Amino acid sequence: MISNLLVKENRSRLFMLLASLMLMGLFLFPLWKIRLEAAQYPNGVNMYIWINKITGDTPSTLQNINILNHYIGMQYIKPDSIPELKYFPFVVIIMSLLGIVVAFSKKRKLFITWGIILLVLGILGIYDFYLWEYDYGHNLSPNAPIKIPGMVYQPPLLGSKMLLNFNAISLPHTGSLFLGFAMVFNFLSFTLLWKKK
């Protein structure tokens, strides 16, 4: 009986450690991908949103997107001016370190609290991304070379949407899987501790 409890406790601790380490995957892979497809771009234009930067398939991708944005009055995408890209990495690192501390504690409340905080942060992150997309798609320059009354250019949060002659596709990327795995491992760790009770 005691040995079974110890096995469950060790497995729970291992799952919690894995949950914490999964968060580091957010620095290795993009969280989200926005792809623009059009006849003049047969290979598409891909933009990747990371926890700490925004990149494309090539170093000139963002420049090309900003040129397109200029014609329809959208703001330039300047990663250095986006505050979330500066403080989100610290939030992830702190959550990862706290997760390691929780893994070596024996308090069930800490396991579930960590998971709830991670879930809330994930929801807030998606909402913040939606607001960012909304601002870029609606806050248009009145001096744009191309102006279409009533037209907005907000990319979809999830899925595809036609924006003039472009098909904008917005989907989670590999980093989002790591975030999902972190939540799953945390749930497993808490479940094992709960059964041990």
N, C-alpha and C. Protein backbone atom coordinates (compact mmCIF):
# COMPACT_ATOMS: atom_id res chain seq x y z
N MET A 1 0.83 -1.21 0.00
CA MET A 1 0.00 0.00 0.00
C MET A 1 0.86 1.26 0.00
N ILE A 2 1.85 1.28 0.90
CA ILE A 2 2.74 2.44 0.98
C ILE A 2 3.54 2.59 -0.30
N SER A 3 3.99 1.45 -0.84
CA SER A 3 4.78 1.51 -2.08
C SER A 3 3.94 2.05 -3.24
N ASN A 4 2.65 1.67 -3.29
CA ASN A 4 1.77 2.18 -4.34
C ASN A 4 1.59 3.69 -4.23
N LEU A 5 1.46 4.17 -3.00
CA LEU A 5 1.32 5.61 -2.78
C LEU A 5 2.56 6.35 -3.23
N LEU A 6 3.73 5.75 -2.93
CA LEU A 6 4.99 6.39 -3.32
C LEU A 6 5.13 6.43 -4.84
N VAL A 7 4.71 5.34 -5.50
CA VAL A 7 4.78 5.30 -6.97
C VAL A 7 3.90 6.39 -7.56
N LYS A 8 2.68 6.52 -7.03
CA LYS A 8 1.76 7.56 -7.52
C LYS A 8 2.33 8.95 -7.29
N GLU A 9 2.94 9.13 -6.12
CA GLU A 9 3.51 10.45 -5.79
C GLU A 9 4.66 10.79 -6.73
N ASN A 10 5.51 9.79 -7.00
CA ASN A 10 6.65 10.02 -7.90
C ASN A 10 6.18 10.29 -9.33
N ARG A 11 5.16 9.56 -9.76
CA ARG A 11 4.63 9.78 -11.11
C ARG A 11 3.98 11.16 -11.21
N SER A 12 3.28 11.53 -10.15
CA SER A 12 2.67 12.86 -10.13
C SER A 12 3.72 13.95 -10.22
N ARG A 13 4.79 13.77 -9.47
CA ARG A 13 5.90 14.74 -9.49
C ARG A 13 6.53 14.81 -10.88
N LEU A 14 6.71 13.63 -11.50
CA LEU A 14 7.29 13.58 -12.84
C LEU A 14 6.41 14.32 -13.85
N PHE A 15 5.10 14.08 -13.79
CA PHE A 15 4.18 14.76 -14.71
C PHE A 15 4.23 16.27 -14.51
N MET A 16 4.34 16.70 -13.25
CA MET A 16 4.39 18.13 -12.97
C MET A 16 5.68 18.74 -13.51
N LEU A 17 6.78 18.01 -13.37
CA LEU A 17 8.05 18.49 -13.93
C LEU A 17 7.96 18.58 -15.45
N LEU A 18 7.33 17.59 -16.06
CA LEU A 18 7.16 17.62 -17.52
C LEU A 18 6.29 18.81 -17.94
N ALA A 19 5.25 19.08 -17.15
CA ALA A 19 4.40 20.23 -17.45
C ALA A 19 5.21 21.52 -17.43
N SER A 20 6.08 21.65 -16.44
CA SER A 20 6.92 22.85 -16.33
C SER A 20 7.89 22.96 -17.50
N LEU A 21 8.49 21.84 -17.87
CA LEU A 21 9.47 21.85 -18.96
C LEU A 21 8.82 22.09 -20.31
N MET A 22 7.57 21.65 -20.47
CA MET A 22 6.86 21.87 -21.73
C MET A 22 6.76 23.36 -22.06
N LEU A 23 6.68 24.19 -21.03
CA LEU A 23 6.56 25.63 -21.27
C LEU A 23 7.79 26.19 -21.97
N MET A 24 8.93 25.55 -21.78
CA MET A 24 10.15 26.02 -22.44
C MET A 24 10.08 25.82 -23.95
N GLY A 25 9.18 24.94 -24.39
CA GLY A 25 8.99 24.74 -25.82
C GLY A 25 8.44 25.97 -26.52
N LEU A 26 7.87 26.90 -25.73
CA LEU A 26 7.35 28.14 -26.32
C LEU A 26 8.46 29.02 -26.86
N PHE A 27 9.69 28.78 -26.38
CA PHE A 27 10.84 29.54 -26.89
C PHE A 27 11.48 28.85 -28.09
N LEU A 28 11.08 27.61 -28.35
CA LEU A 28 11.68 26.83 -29.44
C LEU A 28 10.81 26.80 -30.69
N PHE A 29 9.52 27.02 -30.51
CA PHE A 29 8.59 26.92 -31.64
C PHE A 29 7.57 28.07 -31.58
N PRO A 30 7.05 28.48 -32.75
CA PRO A 30 6.03 29.54 -32.77
C PRO A 30 4.74 29.06 -32.11
N LEU A 31 4.02 30.01 -31.52
CA LEU A 31 2.71 29.72 -30.94
C LEU A 31 1.61 29.72 -32.00
N TRP A 32 1.76 30.60 -32.97
CA TRP A 32 0.68 30.81 -33.94
C TRP A 32 1.26 31.09 -35.32
N LYS A 33 0.45 30.82 -36.34
CA LYS A 33 0.88 31.07 -37.72
C LYS A 33 -0.26 31.76 -38.47
N ILE A 34 0.08 32.84 -39.16
CA ILE A 34 -0.88 33.50 -40.05
C ILE A 34 -0.32 33.41 -41.47
N ARG A 35 -1.11 32.84 -42.36
CA ARG A 35 -0.68 32.63 -43.75
C ARG A 35 -1.57 33.44 -44.68
N LEU A 36 -0.95 34.14 -45.61
CA LEU A 36 -1.67 34.90 -46.62
C LEU A 36 -1.48 34.22 -47.97
N GLU A 37 -2.60 33.90 -48.62
CA GLU A 37 -2.55 33.25 -49.92
C GLU A 37 -3.21 34.14 -50.96
N ALA A 38 -2.55 34.28 -52.11
CA ALA A 38 -3.09 35.07 -53.21
C ALA A 38 -2.43 34.61 -54.50
N ALA A 39 -3.04 34.97 -55.63
CA ALA A 39 -2.51 34.55 -56.93
C ALA A 39 -1.09 35.05 -57.15
N GLN A 40 -0.80 36.27 -56.67
CA GLN A 40 0.54 36.83 -56.89
C GLN A 40 1.58 36.26 -55.93
N TYR A 41 1.12 35.45 -54.96
CA TYR A 41 2.04 34.79 -54.03
C TYR A 41 1.72 33.30 -54.02
N PRO A 42 2.15 32.57 -55.05
CA PRO A 42 1.78 31.15 -55.19
C PRO A 42 2.25 30.29 -54.02
N ASN A 43 3.34 30.69 -53.36
CA ASN A 43 3.83 29.92 -52.22
C ASN A 43 3.29 30.42 -50.89
N GLY A 44 2.48 31.47 -50.94
CA GLY A 44 1.93 32.03 -49.72
C GLY A 44 2.95 32.86 -48.95
N VAL A 45 2.44 33.66 -48.04
CA VAL A 45 3.29 34.47 -47.15
C VAL A 45 2.96 34.06 -45.73
N ASN A 46 3.95 33.56 -45.01
CA ASN A 46 3.73 33.03 -43.66
C ASN A 46 4.35 33.94 -42.60
N MET A 47 3.56 34.23 -41.58
CA MET A 47 4.05 35.00 -40.44
C MET A 47 3.87 34.15 -39.19
N TYR A 48 4.93 34.06 -38.38
CA TYR A 48 4.91 33.22 -37.19
C TYR A 48 4.98 34.09 -35.94
N ILE A 49 4.03 33.86 -35.02
CA ILE A 49 4.01 34.60 -33.76
C ILE A 49 4.58 33.71 -32.67
N TRP A 50 5.69 34.13 -32.11
CA TRP A 50 6.35 33.41 -31.02
C TRP A 50 5.98 34.07 -29.70
N ILE A 51 6.47 33.51 -28.61
CA ILE A 51 6.24 34.11 -27.30
C ILE A 51 7.06 35.40 -27.15
N ASN A 52 8.12 35.54 -27.96
CA ASN A 52 9.01 36.70 -27.79
C ASN A 52 9.40 37.40 -29.09
N LYS A 53 8.80 36.98 -30.21
CA LYS A 53 9.16 37.62 -31.49
C LYS A 53 8.13 37.28 -32.56
N ILE A 54 8.25 37.97 -33.69
CA ILE A 54 7.43 37.68 -34.86
C ILE A 54 8.38 37.50 -36.04
N THR A 55 8.24 36.40 -36.75
CA THR A 55 9.15 36.10 -37.85
C THR A 55 8.34 35.67 -39.08
N GLY A 56 9.07 35.41 -40.16
CA GLY A 56 8.46 34.90 -41.38
C GLY A 56 9.33 33.82 -41.97
N ASP A 57 8.97 33.36 -43.16
CA ASP A 57 9.77 32.33 -43.82
C ASP A 57 11.16 32.85 -44.19
N THR A 58 11.25 34.14 -44.47
CA THR A 58 12.53 34.77 -44.80
C THR A 58 12.68 36.05 -43.99
N PRO A 59 13.90 36.58 -43.90
CA PRO A 59 14.09 37.84 -43.16
C PRO A 59 13.28 39.01 -43.71
N SER A 60 12.89 38.93 -44.99
CA SER A 60 12.16 40.05 -45.62
C SER A 60 10.64 39.88 -45.55
N THR A 61 10.17 38.81 -44.94
CA THR A 61 8.72 38.56 -44.91
C THR A 61 7.95 39.69 -44.25
N LEU A 62 8.40 40.11 -43.07
CA LEU A 62 7.69 41.19 -42.36
C LEU A 62 7.70 42.48 -43.18
N GLN A 63 8.82 42.74 -43.84
CA GLN A 63 8.91 43.94 -44.68
C GLN A 63 7.88 43.88 -45.81
N ASN A 64 7.75 42.71 -46.43
CA ASN A 64 6.78 42.54 -47.52
C ASN A 64 5.34 42.72 -47.01
N ILE A 65 5.07 42.17 -45.82
CA ILE A 65 3.73 42.32 -45.24
C ILE A 65 3.45 43.78 -44.92
N ASN A 66 4.47 44.48 -44.41
CA ASN A 66 4.29 45.89 -44.08
C ASN A 66 4.05 46.75 -45.33
N ILE A 67 4.66 46.34 -46.45
CA ILE A 67 4.42 47.05 -47.72
C ILE A 67 2.96 46.88 -48.13
N LEU A 68 2.46 45.65 -48.01
CA LEU A 68 1.04 45.40 -48.31
C LEU A 68 0.15 46.19 -47.36
N ASN A 69 0.53 46.21 -46.08
CA ASN A 69 -0.26 46.95 -45.08
C ASN A 69 -0.34 48.43 -45.41
N HIS A 70 0.77 48.97 -45.94
CA HIS A 70 0.81 50.40 -46.26
C HIS A 70 -0.27 50.79 -47.26
N TYR A 71 -0.47 49.95 -48.26
CA TYR A 71 -1.43 50.29 -49.32
C TYR A 71 -2.87 50.32 -48.83
N ILE A 72 -3.18 49.52 -47.81
CA ILE A 72 -4.57 49.49 -47.32
C ILE A 72 -4.72 50.23 -45.99
N GLY A 73 -3.63 50.87 -45.54
CA GLY A 73 -3.72 51.71 -44.35
C GLY A 73 -3.51 51.01 -43.03
N MET A 74 -3.09 49.76 -43.05
CA MET A 74 -2.84 49.05 -41.79
C MET A 74 -1.52 49.50 -41.19
N GLN A 75 -1.42 49.38 -39.87
CA GLN A 75 -0.19 49.75 -39.18
C GLN A 75 0.94 48.80 -39.56
N TYR A 76 2.15 49.31 -39.50
CA TYR A 76 3.31 48.44 -39.70
C TYR A 76 3.44 47.51 -38.49
N ILE A 77 3.84 46.29 -38.77
CA ILE A 77 4.09 45.33 -37.69
C ILE A 77 5.54 45.50 -37.25
N LYS A 78 5.73 46.04 -36.06
CA LYS A 78 7.07 46.27 -35.50
C LYS A 78 7.19 45.49 -34.20
N PRO A 79 7.81 44.31 -34.24
CA PRO A 79 7.91 43.47 -33.04
C PRO A 79 8.47 44.21 -31.83
N ASP A 80 9.44 45.11 -32.05
CA ASP A 80 10.05 45.82 -30.92
C ASP A 80 9.07 46.75 -30.20
N SER A 81 7.98 47.10 -30.87
CA SER A 81 7.01 48.02 -30.26
C SER A 81 5.83 47.29 -29.62
N ILE A 82 5.86 45.96 -29.62
CA ILE A 82 4.78 45.17 -29.03
C ILE A 82 5.19 44.75 -27.62
N PRO A 83 4.61 45.35 -26.58
CA PRO A 83 5.07 45.08 -25.20
C PRO A 83 4.91 43.64 -24.77
N GLU A 84 3.87 42.95 -25.29
CA GLU A 84 3.64 41.57 -24.88
C GLU A 84 4.83 40.67 -25.21
N LEU A 85 5.52 40.98 -26.30
CA LEU A 85 6.68 40.17 -26.69
C LEU A 85 7.85 40.35 -25.73
N LYS A 86 7.78 41.39 -24.91
CA LYS A 86 8.84 41.64 -23.93
C LYS A 86 8.54 41.00 -22.58
N TYR A 87 7.26 41.10 -22.13
CA TYR A 87 6.99 40.58 -20.79
C TYR A 87 6.40 39.16 -20.77
N PHE A 88 5.81 38.69 -21.86
CA PHE A 88 5.31 37.32 -21.89
C PHE A 88 6.40 36.28 -21.61
N PRO A 89 7.62 36.45 -22.17
CA PRO A 89 8.67 35.47 -21.88
C PRO A 89 8.97 35.35 -20.39
N PHE A 90 8.94 36.47 -19.66
CA PHE A 90 9.19 36.41 -18.22
C PHE A 90 8.07 35.67 -17.50
N VAL A 91 6.84 35.86 -17.96
CA VAL A 91 5.70 35.15 -17.36
C VAL A 91 5.87 33.65 -17.54
N VAL A 92 6.29 33.24 -18.73
CA VAL A 92 6.48 31.81 -19.02
C VAL A 92 7.60 31.23 -18.15
N ILE A 93 8.71 31.94 -18.03
CA ILE A 93 9.83 31.46 -17.22
C ILE A 93 9.43 31.34 -15.76
N ILE A 94 8.71 32.34 -15.25
CA ILE A 94 8.26 32.30 -13.86
C ILE A 94 7.31 31.13 -13.63
N MET A 95 6.39 30.90 -14.56
CA MET A 95 5.47 29.77 -14.43
C MET A 95 6.21 28.45 -14.46
N SER A 96 7.22 28.35 -15.30
CA SER A 96 8.01 27.12 -15.37
C SER A 96 8.75 26.86 -14.06
N LEU A 97 9.36 27.90 -13.51
CA LEU A 97 10.09 27.75 -12.24
C LEU A 97 9.14 27.43 -11.10
N LEU A 98 7.98 28.08 -11.08
CA LEU A 98 7.00 27.78 -10.04
C LEU A 98 6.51 26.34 -10.16
N GLY A 99 6.37 25.87 -11.39
CA GLY A 99 5.95 24.49 -11.61
C GLY A 99 6.94 23.49 -11.04
N ILE A 100 8.22 23.80 -11.17
CA ILE A 100 9.25 22.92 -10.60
C ILE A 100 9.15 22.90 -9.08
N VAL A 101 8.91 24.08 -8.48
CA VAL A 101 8.74 24.16 -7.02
C VAL A 101 7.52 23.35 -6.60
N VAL A 102 6.43 23.49 -7.34
CA VAL A 102 5.20 22.76 -7.03
C VAL A 102 5.42 21.26 -7.12
N ALA A 103 6.21 20.83 -8.11
CA ALA A 103 6.46 19.40 -8.31
C ALA A 103 7.08 18.75 -7.08
N PHE A 104 7.88 19.50 -6.35
CA PHE A 104 8.54 18.93 -5.17
C PHE A 104 7.80 19.22 -3.88
N SER A 105 6.63 19.81 -4.01
CA SER A 105 5.78 19.99 -2.83
C SER A 105 4.79 18.82 -2.77
N LYS A 106 4.13 18.69 -1.67
CA LYS A 106 3.15 17.60 -1.53
C LYS A 106 1.75 18.17 -1.32
N LYS A 107 1.57 19.41 -1.74
CA LYS A 107 0.28 20.07 -1.54
C LYS A 107 -0.54 20.02 -2.82
N ARG A 108 -1.64 19.30 -2.74
CA ARG A 108 -2.50 19.15 -3.92
C ARG A 108 -3.03 20.50 -4.41
N LYS A 109 -3.29 21.41 -3.46
CA LYS A 109 -3.84 22.71 -3.84
C LYS A 109 -2.88 23.47 -4.76
N LEU A 110 -1.59 23.30 -4.53
CA LEU A 110 -0.61 24.00 -5.37
C LEU A 110 -0.62 23.46 -6.79
N PHE A 111 -0.82 22.14 -6.93
CA PHE A 111 -0.86 21.53 -8.26
C PHE A 111 -2.02 22.08 -9.08
N ILE A 112 -3.21 22.12 -8.45
CA ILE A 112 -4.39 22.60 -9.18
C ILE A 112 -4.34 24.11 -9.38
N THR A 113 -3.77 24.82 -8.40
CA THR A 113 -3.66 26.28 -8.53
C THR A 113 -2.77 26.65 -9.70
N TRP A 114 -1.64 25.93 -9.83
CA TRP A 114 -0.72 26.18 -10.95
C TRP A 114 -1.44 25.96 -12.28
N GLY A 115 -2.20 24.87 -12.35
CA GLY A 115 -2.92 24.56 -13.59
C GLY A 115 -3.97 25.60 -13.93
N ILE A 116 -4.68 26.08 -12.91
CA ILE A 116 -5.71 27.10 -13.15
C ILE A 116 -5.07 28.40 -13.63
N ILE A 117 -3.96 28.78 -13.00
CA ILE A 117 -3.26 30.00 -13.41
C ILE A 117 -2.79 29.88 -14.86
N LEU A 118 -2.25 28.71 -15.22
CA LEU A 118 -1.78 28.50 -16.59
C LEU A 118 -2.93 28.60 -17.58
N LEU A 119 -4.07 28.00 -17.22
CA LEU A 119 -5.25 28.06 -18.09
C LEU A 119 -5.73 29.49 -18.28
N VAL A 120 -5.79 30.24 -17.18
CA VAL A 120 -6.23 31.63 -17.24
C VAL A 120 -5.27 32.46 -18.09
N LEU A 121 -3.96 32.23 -17.90
CA LEU A 121 -2.97 32.96 -18.70
C LEU A 121 -3.11 32.63 -20.19
N GLY A 122 -3.40 31.37 -20.49
CA GLY A 122 -3.60 30.97 -21.88
C GLY A 122 -4.80 31.67 -22.50
N ILE A 123 -5.90 31.73 -21.74
CA ILE A 123 -7.11 32.41 -22.23
C ILE A 123 -6.85 33.90 -22.42
N LEU A 124 -6.16 34.51 -21.45
CA LEU A 124 -5.84 35.94 -21.56
C LEU A 124 -4.92 36.20 -22.75
N GLY A 125 -3.99 35.26 -23.01
CA GLY A 125 -3.09 35.41 -24.15
C GLY A 125 -3.84 35.38 -25.47
N ILE A 126 -4.81 34.48 -25.59
CA ILE A 126 -5.62 34.40 -26.82
C ILE A 126 -6.46 35.66 -26.98
N TYR A 127 -7.03 36.13 -25.86
CA TYR A 127 -7.84 37.36 -25.92
C TYR A 127 -6.98 38.56 -26.31
N ASP A 128 -5.77 38.63 -25.78
CA ASP A 128 -4.85 39.71 -26.12
C ASP A 128 -4.48 39.66 -27.60
N PHE A 129 -4.29 38.45 -28.12
CA PHE A 129 -3.98 38.27 -29.54
C PHE A 129 -5.15 38.75 -30.39
N TYR A 130 -6.38 38.43 -29.95
CA TYR A 130 -7.57 38.88 -30.67
C TYR A 130 -7.62 40.41 -30.70
N LEU A 131 -7.34 41.05 -29.57
CA LEU A 131 -7.36 42.52 -29.51
C LEU A 131 -6.30 43.12 -30.42
N TRP A 132 -5.13 42.45 -30.47
CA TRP A 132 -4.05 42.91 -31.34
C TRP A 132 -4.48 42.84 -32.80
N GLU A 133 -5.10 41.72 -33.17
CA GLU A 133 -5.60 41.57 -34.55
C GLU A 133 -6.68 42.61 -34.85
N TYR A 134 -7.56 42.83 -33.89
CA TYR A 134 -8.65 43.80 -34.09
C TYR A 134 -8.09 45.20 -34.33
N ASP A 135 -7.11 45.58 -33.51
CA ASP A 135 -6.52 46.91 -33.64
C ASP A 135 -5.85 47.08 -35.00
N TYR A 136 -5.11 46.06 -35.42
CA TYR A 136 -4.40 46.16 -36.70
C TYR A 136 -5.37 46.15 -37.88
N GLY A 137 -6.50 45.49 -37.72
CA GLY A 137 -7.45 45.39 -38.83
C GLY A 137 -8.44 46.53 -38.91
N HIS A 138 -8.65 47.25 -37.80
CA HIS A 138 -9.65 48.31 -37.77
C HIS A 138 -9.06 49.72 -37.70
N ASN A 139 -7.90 49.86 -37.08
CA ASN A 139 -7.29 51.18 -36.91
C ASN A 139 -6.49 51.52 -38.17
N LEU A 140 -7.19 51.97 -39.20
CA LEU A 140 -6.58 52.19 -40.51
C LEU A 140 -6.22 53.66 -40.73
N SER A 141 -5.18 53.87 -41.51
CA SER A 141 -4.76 55.24 -41.83
C SER A 141 -5.74 55.88 -42.82
N PRO A 142 -6.16 57.12 -42.56
CA PRO A 142 -7.07 57.79 -43.50
C PRO A 142 -6.37 58.18 -44.80
N ASN A 143 -5.05 58.10 -44.80
CA ASN A 143 -4.27 58.48 -46.00
C ASN A 143 -3.84 57.28 -46.83
N ALA A 144 -4.46 56.14 -46.61
CA ALA A 144 -4.08 54.93 -47.34
C ALA A 144 -4.33 55.09 -48.84
N PRO A 145 -3.42 54.60 -49.68
CA PRO A 145 -3.63 54.67 -51.14
C PRO A 145 -4.90 53.95 -51.59
N ILE A 146 -5.23 52.84 -50.91
CA ILE A 146 -6.43 52.08 -51.26
C ILE A 146 -7.41 52.17 -50.09
N LYS A 147 -8.55 52.80 -50.34
CA LYS A 147 -9.57 52.95 -49.29
C LYS A 147 -10.90 52.40 -49.80
N ILE A 148 -11.45 51.45 -49.06
CA ILE A 148 -12.74 50.87 -49.40
C ILE A 148 -13.68 51.13 -48.23
N PRO A 149 -14.69 51.96 -48.39
CA PRO A 149 -15.59 52.29 -47.28
C PRO A 149 -16.18 51.05 -46.61
N GLY A 150 -16.06 51.02 -45.28
CA GLY A 150 -16.63 49.92 -44.51
C GLY A 150 -15.77 48.67 -44.45
N MET A 151 -14.65 48.66 -45.18
CA MET A 151 -13.79 47.48 -45.21
C MET A 151 -12.82 47.48 -44.04
N VAL A 152 -12.73 46.35 -43.35
CA VAL A 152 -11.73 46.17 -42.29
C VAL A 152 -10.89 44.96 -42.66
N TYR A 153 -9.72 44.87 -42.05
CA TYR A 153 -8.76 43.83 -42.46
C TYR A 153 -8.28 42.99 -41.29
N GLN A 154 -9.16 42.76 -40.34
CA GLN A 154 -8.79 41.94 -39.19
C GLN A 154 -8.65 40.47 -39.61
N PRO A 155 -7.47 39.87 -39.41
CA PRO A 155 -7.32 38.44 -39.72
C PRO A 155 -8.19 37.62 -38.77
N PRO A 156 -8.58 36.43 -39.17
CA PRO A 156 -9.38 35.59 -38.26
C PRO A 156 -8.53 35.14 -37.08
N LEU A 157 -9.16 34.97 -35.94
CA LEU A 157 -8.44 34.42 -34.79
C LEU A 157 -8.11 32.96 -35.05
N LEU A 158 -9.07 32.26 -35.65
CA LEU A 158 -8.89 30.84 -35.96
C LEU A 158 -9.65 30.53 -37.24
N GLY A 159 -8.96 29.93 -38.20
CA GLY A 159 -9.61 29.59 -39.46
C GLY A 159 -9.17 30.50 -40.59
N SER A 160 -10.01 30.64 -41.61
CA SER A 160 -9.64 31.44 -42.78
C SER A 160 -10.68 32.52 -43.06
N LYS A 161 -10.24 33.55 -43.76
CA LYS A 161 -11.11 34.68 -44.07
C LYS A 161 -10.55 35.42 -45.28
N MET A 162 -11.42 35.80 -46.20
CA MET A 162 -10.98 36.55 -47.38
C MET A 162 -10.85 38.03 -47.02
N LEU A 163 -9.68 38.59 -47.30
CA LEU A 163 -9.41 40.01 -47.11
C LEU A 163 -8.98 40.56 -48.47
N LEU A 164 -9.92 41.21 -49.16
CA LEU A 164 -9.71 41.60 -50.56
C LEU A 164 -9.37 40.36 -51.37
N ASN A 165 -8.22 40.34 -52.04
CA ASN A 165 -7.87 39.17 -52.86
C ASN A 165 -6.97 38.19 -52.11
N PHE A 166 -6.82 38.40 -50.80
CA PHE A 166 -6.00 37.50 -49.98
C PHE A 166 -6.88 36.59 -49.14
N ASN A 167 -6.48 35.34 -49.05
CA ASN A 167 -7.10 34.42 -48.10
C ASN A 167 -6.19 34.34 -46.88
N ALA A 168 -6.66 34.88 -45.76
CA ALA A 168 -5.86 34.87 -44.52
C ALA A 168 -6.24 33.64 -43.70
N ILE A 169 -5.24 32.86 -43.35
CA ILE A 169 -5.45 31.64 -42.57
C ILE A 169 -4.69 31.76 -41.26
N SER A 170 -5.39 31.60 -40.16
CA SER A 170 -4.79 31.74 -38.83
C SER A 170 -4.99 30.45 -38.05
N LEU A 171 -3.88 29.84 -37.64
CA LEU A 171 -3.94 28.55 -36.95
C LEU A 171 -2.88 28.46 -35.86
N PRO A 172 -3.14 27.66 -34.82
CA PRO A 172 -2.10 27.42 -33.81
C PRO A 172 -0.91 26.72 -34.45
N HIS A 173 0.27 26.94 -33.87
CA HIS A 173 1.48 26.27 -34.36
C HIS A 173 2.04 25.38 -33.25
N THR A 174 3.22 24.85 -33.47
CA THR A 174 3.80 23.84 -32.58
C THR A 174 3.90 24.30 -31.13
N GLY A 175 4.21 25.58 -30.91
CA GLY A 175 4.32 26.08 -29.55
C GLY A 175 3.03 25.90 -28.77
N SER A 176 1.89 26.03 -29.45
CA SER A 176 0.59 25.84 -28.79
C SER A 176 0.42 24.40 -28.31
N LEU A 177 0.99 23.46 -29.05
CA LEU A 177 0.94 22.05 -28.62
C LEU A 177 1.70 21.87 -27.31
N PHE A 178 2.85 22.52 -27.20
CA PHE A 178 3.62 22.43 -25.96
C PHE A 178 2.83 23.00 -24.78
N LEU A 179 2.12 24.09 -25.02
CA LEU A 179 1.28 24.67 -23.98
C LEU A 179 0.17 23.70 -23.61
N GLY A 180 -0.43 23.07 -24.61
CA GLY A 180 -1.47 22.08 -24.36
C GLY A 180 -0.94 20.89 -23.59
N PHE A 181 0.26 20.41 -23.95
CA PHE A 181 0.87 19.29 -23.23
C PHE A 181 1.13 19.65 -21.77
N ALA A 182 1.54 20.90 -21.53
CA ALA A 182 1.78 21.36 -20.16
C ALA A 182 0.50 21.24 -19.34
N MET A 183 -0.62 21.61 -19.92
CA MET A 183 -1.90 21.53 -19.21
C MET A 183 -2.30 20.08 -18.97
N VAL A 184 -2.08 19.22 -19.96
CA VAL A 184 -2.42 17.80 -19.82
C VAL A 184 -1.57 17.15 -18.74
N PHE A 185 -0.26 17.39 -18.75
CA PHE A 185 0.62 16.81 -17.74
C PHE A 185 0.26 17.31 -16.34
N ASN A 186 -0.10 18.59 -16.25
CA ASN A 186 -0.52 19.12 -14.95
C ASN A 186 -1.79 18.42 -14.47
N PHE A 187 -2.73 18.20 -15.37
CA PHE A 187 -3.97 17.52 -15.01
C PHE A 187 -3.68 16.09 -14.53
N LEU A 188 -2.78 15.40 -15.23
CA LEU A 188 -2.43 14.04 -14.83
C LEU A 188 -1.76 14.02 -13.46
N SER A 189 -0.89 15.00 -13.22
CA SER A 189 -0.19 15.05 -11.93
C SER A 189 -1.18 15.28 -10.79
N PHE A 190 -2.13 16.19 -11.01
CA PHE A 190 -3.12 16.46 -9.97
C PHE A 190 -4.04 15.26 -9.76
N THR A 191 -4.42 14.59 -10.86
CA THR A 191 -5.31 13.42 -10.76
C THR A 191 -4.67 12.32 -9.93
N LEU A 192 -3.38 12.09 -10.14
CA LEU A 192 -2.69 11.05 -9.36
C LEU A 192 -2.67 11.41 -7.88
N LEU A 193 -2.42 12.66 -7.57
CA LEU A 193 -2.42 13.08 -6.17
C LEU A 193 -3.82 12.98 -5.57
N TRP A 194 -4.83 13.29 -6.36
CA TRP A 194 -6.19 13.24 -5.86
C TRP A 194 -6.59 11.80 -5.53
N LYS A 195 -6.18 10.86 -6.40
CA LYS A 195 -6.49 9.44 -6.15
C LYS A 195 -5.74 8.92 -4.93
N LYS A 196 -4.61 9.55 -4.65
CA LYS A 196 -3.81 9.12 -3.51
C LYS A 196 -4.46 9.51 -2.20
N LYS A 197 -5.33 10.55 -2.27
CA LYS A 197 -5.94 11.09 -1.06
C LYS A 197 -6.76 10.04 -0.32
